[in-house]
Protein backbone atom coordinates (compact mmCIF):
# COMPACT_ATOMS: atom_id res chain seq x y z
CA MET A 1 -6.65 0.25 37.07
CA ASN A 2 -5.63 3.64 35.63
CA LYS A 3 -5.50 4.64 32.52
CA ARG A 4 -2.67 6.30 30.75
CA SER A 5 -2.36 8.84 28.79
CA PRO A 6 -2.63 8.56 24.98
CA HIS A 7 0.32 9.93 24.06
CA HIS A 8 3.05 7.41 25.26
CA ALA A 9 5.95 5.27 24.90
CA TYR A 10 6.52 1.81 26.21
CA LEU A 11 9.05 -0.51 26.43
CA VAL A 12 8.50 -4.00 25.22
CA ARG A 13 10.20 -7.22 24.35
CA VAL A 14 11.11 -9.92 21.35
CA GLN A 15 8.49 -12.81 23.34
CA GLY A 16 8.22 -14.55 19.60
CA ILE A 17 9.60 -14.30 15.83
CA ILE A 18 7.75 -15.77 13.13
CA ASP A 19 8.75 -15.78 9.75
CA LEU A 20 4.99 -15.24 7.61
CA SER A 21 6.90 -15.46 3.91
CA PRO A 22 9.91 -15.09 1.98
CA ASN A 23 9.88 -11.23 2.54
CA LEU A 24 7.98 -10.69 6.25
CA ARG A 25 8.69 -11.38 9.07
CA ARG A 26 6.34 -10.67 12.55
CA LEU A 27 7.34 -9.88 16.14
CA VAL A 28 5.55 -10.00 18.81
CA LEU A 29 5.94 -7.50 21.67
CA HIS A 30 5.15 -8.32 25.08
CA SER A 31 5.56 -5.35 27.86
CA ASP A 32 3.39 -6.31 31.66
CA GLU A 33 2.08 -1.78 30.72
CA LEU A 34 0.36 -2.92 27.41
CA ALA A 35 -3.07 -4.28 29.28
CA ASP A 36 -3.67 -0.91 28.96
CA TYR A 37 -2.88 0.24 25.75
CA PRO A 38 -5.07 2.53 23.90
CA HIS A 39 -5.23 0.43 21.19
CA GLN A 40 -8.49 0.84 18.80
CA PHE A 41 -8.40 -1.35 15.68
CA ASN A 42 -5.81 -2.72 14.15
CA GLY A 43 -4.11 -1.10 10.78
CA ALA A 44 -3.19 1.74 13.19
CA HIS A 45 0.36 3.60 13.16
CA ILE A 46 2.63 3.58 15.72
CA LYS A 47 6.60 4.43 16.23
CA ILE A 48 9.21 2.22 16.63
CA PHE A 49 11.98 2.98 19.34
CA LEU A 50 15.54 1.23 18.23
CA ALA A 51 18.58 1.04 19.90
CA ARG A 52 21.77 2.97 18.51
CA HIS A 53 24.58 0.94 17.83
CA GLY A 54 26.23 -0.38 21.01
CA GLN A 55 23.04 0.43 23.10
CA THR A 56 20.27 -2.36 24.59
CA THR A 57 18.31 -0.44 25.82
CA PRO A 58 16.43 2.41 23.36
CA GLN A 59 15.54 6.24 25.13
CA LEU A 60 12.05 6.37 25.05
CA PRO A 61 10.42 9.99 24.12
CA GLN A 62 8.33 12.36 26.03
CA PHE A 63 5.65 13.91 24.97
CA SER A 64 4.57 17.55 24.63
CA GLY A 65 2.13 18.99 21.77
CA HIS A 66 4.98 19.74 19.61
CA GLY A 67 5.53 16.24 19.12
CA PHE A 68 8.88 13.71 21.36
CA ASN A 69 11.43 15.15 23.57
CA TRP A 70 14.54 13.95 24.53
CA THR A 71 16.04 14.50 27.84
CA LYS A 72 19.47 13.02 25.80
CA PRO A 73 19.37 14.25 22.72
CA ASP A 74 22.99 12.67 21.70
CA LYS A 75 21.37 8.86 22.42
CA LYS A 76 17.80 9.83 20.92
CA PRO A 77 17.00 6.27 19.32
CA ILE A 78 16.29 5.52 15.51
CA VAL A 79 12.68 6.31 15.35
CA ARG A 80 10.44 4.02 12.54
CA THR A 81 6.53 4.27 11.33
CA TYR A 82 4.98 0.53 11.38
CA THR A 83 1.03 -0.46 11.87
CA ILE A 84 -0.09 -2.63 14.50
CA ARG A 85 -1.08 -6.37 13.11
CA ASP A 86 -2.60 -7.58 16.01
CA TYR A 87 -3.57 -6.38 19.63
CA ASP A 88 -3.94 -9.10 22.68
CA ALA A 89 -4.96 -6.89 26.16
CA LYS A 90 -5.02 -10.66 27.85
CA ALA A 91 -1.25 -11.29 26.80
CA CYS A 92 -0.03 -8.09 27.05
CA THR A 93 1.49 -8.19 23.73
CA ILE A 94 1.95 -6.13 20.26
CA SER A 95 2.32 -8.16 16.91
CA ILE A 96 3.80 -5.99 13.88
CA ASP A 97 5.42 -7.74 10.43
CA PHE A 98 8.03 -6.65 9.17
CA VAL A 99 9.26 -6.21 5.20
CA LYS A 100 12.99 -8.29 5.30
CA HIS A 101 15.59 -5.76 3.41
CA GLY A 102 18.37 -7.49 5.15
CA ASN A 103 20.73 -5.00 6.68
CA SER A 104 20.26 -2.05 4.37
CA ALA A 105 17.53 -0.42 6.55
CA PRO A 106 17.68 0.00 10.21
CA ALA A 107 14.38 -1.68 11.27
CA SER A 108 14.73 -4.57 9.20
CA ALA A 109 18.05 -5.00 10.08
CA PHE A 110 16.03 -5.67 13.06
CA ALA A 111 14.10 -7.63 12.85
CA GLU A 112 15.77 -9.66 11.06
CA GLN A 113 18.43 -10.12 13.33
CA ALA A 114 16.21 -10.59 16.74
CA GLN A 115 15.90 -12.40 19.69
CA LEU A 116 14.05 -13.38 22.45
CA GLY A 117 13.97 -10.62 24.62
CA ASP A 118 15.63 -8.00 22.63
CA MET A 119 13.89 -4.85 23.38
CA LEU A 120 12.22 -1.74 21.38
CA GLY A 121 10.32 1.46 22.46
CA ILE A 122 6.64 1.82 20.73
CA SER A 123 4.98 4.75 21.27
CA SER A 124 1.06 4.93 21.46
CA PRO A 125 -1.23 4.28 18.30
CA GLY A 126 -1.83 7.57 15.54
CA GLY A 127 -3.96 7.83 12.87
CA PRO A 128 -7.68 8.09 12.10
CA ASN A 129 -10.44 6.77 13.92
CA PRO A 130 -11.86 5.03 13.01
CA MET A 131 -9.71 3.49 9.96
CA LEU A 132 -12.44 1.98 8.13
CA LYS A 133 -15.33 3.72 7.54
CA MET A 134 -18.32 2.09 6.78
CA ALA A 135 -19.22 1.95 3.04
CA ALA A 136 -21.66 0.37 0.25
CA ARG A 137 -18.40 -0.74 -1.54
CA TYR A 138 -14.56 -0.82 -0.79
CA LEU A 139 -11.04 -0.44 -2.40
CA PHE A 140 -8.24 -1.36 -0.88
CA ALA A 141 -4.67 -1.39 -2.86
CA GLY A 142 -1.02 -1.41 -1.27
CA ASP A 143 2.22 -3.31 -1.68
CA ILE A 144 3.75 -5.26 0.29
CA THR A 145 4.48 -2.88 3.49
CA ALA A 146 0.37 -2.30 3.24
CA LEU A 147 -0.29 -5.92 3.82
CA PRO A 148 -0.27 -5.79 7.66
CA ALA A 149 -3.02 -3.19 7.85
CA ILE A 150 -5.32 -3.92 4.65
CA GLU A 151 -5.06 -8.01 6.27
CA SER A 152 -5.56 -6.51 9.78
CA LEU A 153 -8.54 -4.42 8.85
CA LEU A 154 -10.69 -6.82 6.16
CA ALA A 155 -10.77 -9.17 9.03
CA THR A 156 -12.60 -6.54 10.56
CA ILE A 157 -14.64 -6.06 7.83
CA GLN A 158 -18.40 -6.26 7.43
CA THR A 159 -19.38 -10.31 6.33
CA ASP A 160 -21.77 -8.34 3.18
CA ALA A 161 -18.83 -6.18 1.90
CA CYS A 162 -17.85 -5.47 -1.29
CA GLY A 163 -15.22 -4.41 -3.36
CA ASP A 164 -11.78 -5.18 -5.21
CA VAL A 165 -8.44 -5.67 -2.78
CA VAL A 166 -5.36 -5.17 -5.01
CA LEU A 167 -1.90 -6.10 -3.94
CA LEU A 168 1.56 -6.03 -5.57
CA LEU A 169 4.31 -8.52 -3.67
CA PRO A 170 7.13 -9.56 -4.29
CA GLN A 171 6.56 -13.25 -4.56
CA ILE A 172 3.06 -15.24 -4.76
CA GLU A 173 4.93 -17.50 -1.48
CA ASP A 174 3.75 -13.60 0.28
CA LEU A 175 -0.16 -13.78 -0.19
CA PRO A 176 -1.33 -14.83 3.35
CA ALA A 177 -2.42 -18.40 2.90
CA THR A 178 -5.26 -16.77 5.97
CA LEU A 179 -5.86 -14.16 3.51
CA SER A 180 -10.08 -14.37 4.24
CA LEU A 181 -12.24 -12.14 2.03
CA PRO A 182 -16.37 -11.20 2.30
CA ALA A 183 -17.50 -13.49 -0.93
CA GLY A 184 -18.65 -9.83 -2.60
CA MET A 185 -14.63 -9.15 -2.28
CA ARG A 186 -12.62 -9.87 -5.35
CA LEU A 187 -8.88 -10.04 -5.26
CA HIS A 188 -6.20 -9.08 -7.93
CA THR A 189 -2.33 -9.85 -7.53
CA PHE A 190 0.61 -8.36 -9.48
CA TYR A 191 3.90 -10.60 -8.09
CA GLY A 192 7.38 -8.42 -8.49
CA ASP A 193 8.52 -4.96 -8.51
CA LEU A 194 7.54 -1.15 -8.81
CA SER A 195 7.71 -1.94 -12.31
CA LEU A 196 3.75 -3.30 -12.31
CA VAL A 197 2.85 0.06 -10.81
CA PRO A 198 1.07 1.37 -13.88
CA ALA A 199 -0.38 -1.95 -14.90
CA LEU A 200 -1.57 -2.08 -10.64
CA VAL A 201 -3.25 1.38 -11.89
CA LYS A 202 -4.52 0.71 -15.20
CA LEU A 203 -6.59 -2.26 -13.20
CA VAL A 204 -7.70 0.05 -11.04
CA SER A 205 -8.93 2.93 -13.70
CA THR A 206 -11.18 0.33 -15.19
CA PHE A 207 -12.90 -0.75 -12.08
CA ALA A 208 -16.51 1.27 -11.78
CA PRO A 209 -16.00 4.36 -9.70
CA LEU A 210 -16.22 5.02 -6.53
CA THR A 211 -18.81 7.57 -5.03
CA CYS A 212 -19.68 9.20 -1.73
CA ASP A 213 -20.83 6.02 -0.55
CA ASP A 214 -18.19 4.23 -0.59
CA PHE A 215 -14.20 4.14 0.60
CA ALA A 216 -10.99 3.66 -0.66
CA TRP A 217 -7.62 2.22 1.17
CA ILE A 218 -4.47 2.90 -0.11
CA ALA A 219 -1.14 2.36 1.17
CA GLY A 220 2.08 1.39 0.36
CA GLU A 221 5.30 2.98 -2.29
CA ALA A 222 5.18 6.83 -3.60
CA THR A 223 4.75 6.11 -7.29
CA LEU A 224 1.75 3.46 -5.60
CA VAL A 225 -0.12 6.11 -4.08
CA LYS A 226 0.05 8.76 -5.79
CA PRO A 227 -1.89 7.88 -8.92
CA LEU A 228 -3.69 6.08 -7.41
CA ARG A 229 -4.99 9.35 -5.25
CA GLU A 230 -5.32 11.13 -7.56
CA LEU A 231 -8.07 8.77 -9.75
CA LEU A 232 -9.65 8.64 -6.75
CA ARG A 233 -10.06 12.51 -5.81
CA THR A 234 -9.56 14.23 -10.28
CA GLN A 235 -11.01 11.51 -12.10
CA TRP A 236 -13.70 10.00 -9.80
CA GLN A 237 -14.31 13.11 -7.26
CA LEU A 238 -14.27 11.10 -4.61
CA PRO A 239 -13.96 12.66 -1.68
CA PRO A 240 -10.45 13.45 0.76
CA LEU A 241 -12.83 12.02 4.10
CA ARG A 242 -14.12 8.85 1.43
CA HIS A 243 -10.50 7.53 1.13
CA TYR A 244 -6.85 6.94 3.16
CA ALA A 245 -4.04 7.25 0.84
CA VAL A 246 -0.84 7.37 2.41
CA PRO A 247 2.90 7.25 1.05
CA TYR A 248 4.15 4.48 3.52
CA TRP A 249 8.00 5.47 1.49
CA ARG A 250 9.64 6.44 -1.44
CA GLN A 251 12.11 3.83 -2.98
CA GLY A 252 16.00 5.29 -2.46
CA GLU A 253 15.29 7.08 0.56
CA ASN A 254 14.76 6.52 4.42
CA GLU A 255 12.00 7.66 6.55
CA GLU A 256 14.01 10.57 7.68
CA SER A 257 14.85 12.00 3.91
CA TYR A 258 11.14 11.39 2.42
CA HIS A 259 9.37 12.82 6.04
CA ALA A 260 8.81 16.59 4.80
CA ALA A 261 7.51 15.81 1.53
CA ARG A 262 5.42 12.74 2.71
CA HIS A 263 3.37 15.05 5.33
CA ASN A 264 3.07 17.24 2.58
CA PHE A 265 1.58 14.42 0.27
CA ILE A 266 -0.45 13.67 2.87
CA GLU A 267 -1.55 17.54 4.16
CA LYS A 268 -2.68 18.29 0.22
């Protein structure tokens, strides 16, 4: 079978709908084209393309060195960024976990209203390769939007890994019963809203500083990621290549309004 270009968009259908917790819903997406999807690791980010009101099928982009090109710009779909929770080449499926926000956000609205057979588009995966680096000690920290990536990365981590996992979740029922940690990894949980971020950052600041032999993976809302990245870089002097710190979202903004600020933060 000929492999596709690593930059390609796929039209997929909802094959399965799984409510994981009060605030997380998994959509299992299928297309025969996913048999040769250029998947390398779970947790990688992808773009999803959602049909506009009145449409049933989203327009898929063409790719160039400058990003997406749209043959019909006036029919451009809604574009959002998510992470791969699981890929099954044999079944030709990709699973994505969506945080439930009701109808206040288009991707959440799609997931909550999804029916079997509904169509959306997805891009090829992006992000650093590998996402998870070998390390003597690890730190994972994030909110519920980062939980799918953290859980998928922990599923592939070496069995003798040690370190800490720090989660901020809306409620205790959002902690996956399937979350499995190596014996050397400690789990720390906060249940509530973003008002708990200072307490979370304070806890992480009490950990022994990570060194250049270690690795940190941080993602979630901007006010959680920013102080943790500052702790890693300024206080602990952790080199940029030894940590991943990405603000997935910022409260009160959508992906379009936060796009430039998000990229400026990542590129610093």
